[in-house]
Every structure is written in structure tokens, then in C-alpha cells.
Amino acid sequence: MLEGNALTFDDLAIIQDKLEQSTLPFTVDIVLKHQTQSSEIITRIREEAKQVK
């Protein structure tokens, strides 16, 4: 989950493209927190997601 009110869908697309081109050995799903209306999704992400730094 990406946090930051200034992040746009264009930013998301750029980051997603870079991740798809990377050699990470796993799949990454990206969500813009400020665009997510479901508190259930945010809760599930916080409980189950792995943070990548």
C-alpha cells in the first residue's frame, strides 16, 4: 500500500511498470491508500501484507 496524498494513478503506473521489469522473485500488488474507499481492504493489507523497503 502506497501512502501519500500527492501520489497519482500515473505514479502508480510508473511504479508498477518498474516492478514488472524488476527481477523480484515475487509478485507485488500496489494500492494507493488515499484512493481506497474500503476500510476492509486496508485492514486486510495491514494484517497480511509484507512490507518491502
C-alpha atoms as a PDB file:
ATOM      1  CA  MET A   1       0.000   0.000   0.000  1.00  0.00           C
ATOM      2  CA  LEU A   2       1.438   3.342  -1.005  1.00  0.00           C
ATOM      3  CA  GLU A   3       0.690   6.272   1.246  1.00  0.00           C
ATOM      4  CA  GLY A   4       0.839   9.904   0.189  1.00  0.00           C
ATOM      5  CA  ASN A   5      -1.913  12.201  -0.973  1.00  0.00           C
ATOM      6  CA  ALA A   6       0.253  13.542  -3.792  1.00  0.00           C
ATOM      7  CA  LEU A   7       0.592  10.108  -5.442  1.00  0.00           C
ATOM      8  CA  THR A   8      -1.411   9.800  -8.636  1.00  0.00           C
ATOM      9  CA  PHE A   9      -2.513   6.937 -10.844  1.00  0.00           C
ATOM     10  CA  ASP A  10       0.286   7.970 -13.226  1.00  0.00           C
ATOM     11  CA  ASP A  11       2.783   7.469 -10.374  1.00  0.00           C
ATOM     12  CA  LEU A  12       1.201   4.106  -9.675  1.00  0.00           C
ATOM     13  CA  ALA A  13       1.562   3.077 -13.327  1.00  0.00           C
ATOM     14  CA  ILE A  14       5.237   4.063 -13.388  1.00  0.00           C
ATOM     15  CA  ILE A  15       5.983   2.157 -10.176  1.00  0.00           C
ATOM     16  CA  GLN A  16       4.018  -0.868 -11.352  1.00  0.00           C
ATOM     17  CA  ASP A  17       5.904  -0.888 -14.664  1.00  0.00           C
ATOM     18  CA  LYS A  18       9.271  -0.712 -12.870  1.00  0.00           C
ATOM     19  CA  LEU A  19       8.269  -3.582 -10.587  1.00  0.00           C
ATOM     20  CA  GLU A  20       7.166  -5.715 -13.538  1.00  0.00           C
ATOM     21  CA  GLN A  21      10.562  -5.142 -15.166  1.00  0.00           C
ATOM     22  CA  SER A  22      12.449  -5.955 -11.964  1.00  0.00           C
ATOM     23  CA  THR A  23      13.915  -9.305 -11.015  1.00  0.00           C
ATOM     24  CA  LEU A  24      11.972  -9.591  -7.769  1.00  0.00           C
ATOM     25  CA  PRO A  25      11.173 -13.253  -7.097  1.00  0.00           C
ATOM     26  CA  PHE A  26       7.569 -12.466  -6.157  1.00  0.00           C
ATOM     27  CA  THR A  27       4.514 -10.574  -7.388  1.00  0.00           C
ATOM     28  CA  VAL A  28       3.736  -7.138  -5.975  1.00  0.00           C
ATOM     29  CA  ASP A  29       0.250  -5.648  -5.783  1.00  0.00           C
ATOM     30  CA  ILE A  30       0.087  -1.887  -5.295  1.00  0.00           C
ATOM     31  CA  VAL A  31      -2.755   0.110  -3.768  1.00  0.00           C
ATOM     32  CA  LEU A  32      -2.978   3.877  -3.319  1.00  0.00           C
ATOM     33  CA  LYS A  33      -4.274   4.225   0.224  1.00  0.00           C
ATOM     34  CA  HIS A  34      -5.941   7.610  -0.280  1.00  0.00           C
ATOM     35  CA  GLN A  35      -7.857   6.203  -3.285  1.00  0.00           C
ATOM     36  CA  THR A  36      -9.050   3.115  -1.404  1.00  0.00           C
ATOM     37  CA  GLN A  37     -12.554   3.527  -0.046  1.00  0.00           C
ATOM     38  CA  SER A  38     -12.838   0.132   1.642  1.00  0.00           C
ATOM     39  CA  SER A  39     -11.604   0.016   5.222  1.00  0.00           C
ATOM     40  CA  GLU A  40     -11.804  -3.789   4.945  1.00  0.00           C
ATOM     41  CA  ILE A  41      -9.155  -3.809   2.215  1.00  0.00           C
ATOM     42  CA  ILE A  42      -6.877  -1.515   4.224  1.00  0.00           C
ATOM     43  CA  THR A  43      -7.285  -3.720   7.308  1.00  0.00           C
ATOM     44  CA  ARG A  44      -6.544  -6.874   5.327  1.00  0.00           C
ATOM     45  CA  ILE A  45      -3.448  -5.328   3.779  1.00  0.00           C
ATOM     46  CA  ARG A  46      -2.162  -4.261   7.205  1.00  0.00           C
ATOM     47  CA  GLU A  47      -2.764  -7.760   8.611  1.00  0.00           C
ATOM     48  CA  GLU A  48      -1.452  -9.885   5.745  1.00  0.00           C
ATOM     49  CA  ALA A  49       0.878  -7.839   3.559  1.00  0.00           C
ATOM     50  CA  LYS A  50       4.658  -7.908   3.674  1.00  0.00           C
ATOM     51  CA  GLN A  51       6.416  -4.560   3.673  1.00  0.00           C
ATOM     52  CA  VAL A  52       9.122  -4.041   1.064  1.00  0.00           C
ATOM     53  CA  LYS A  53      11.634  -1.270   1.635  1.00  0.00           C
END
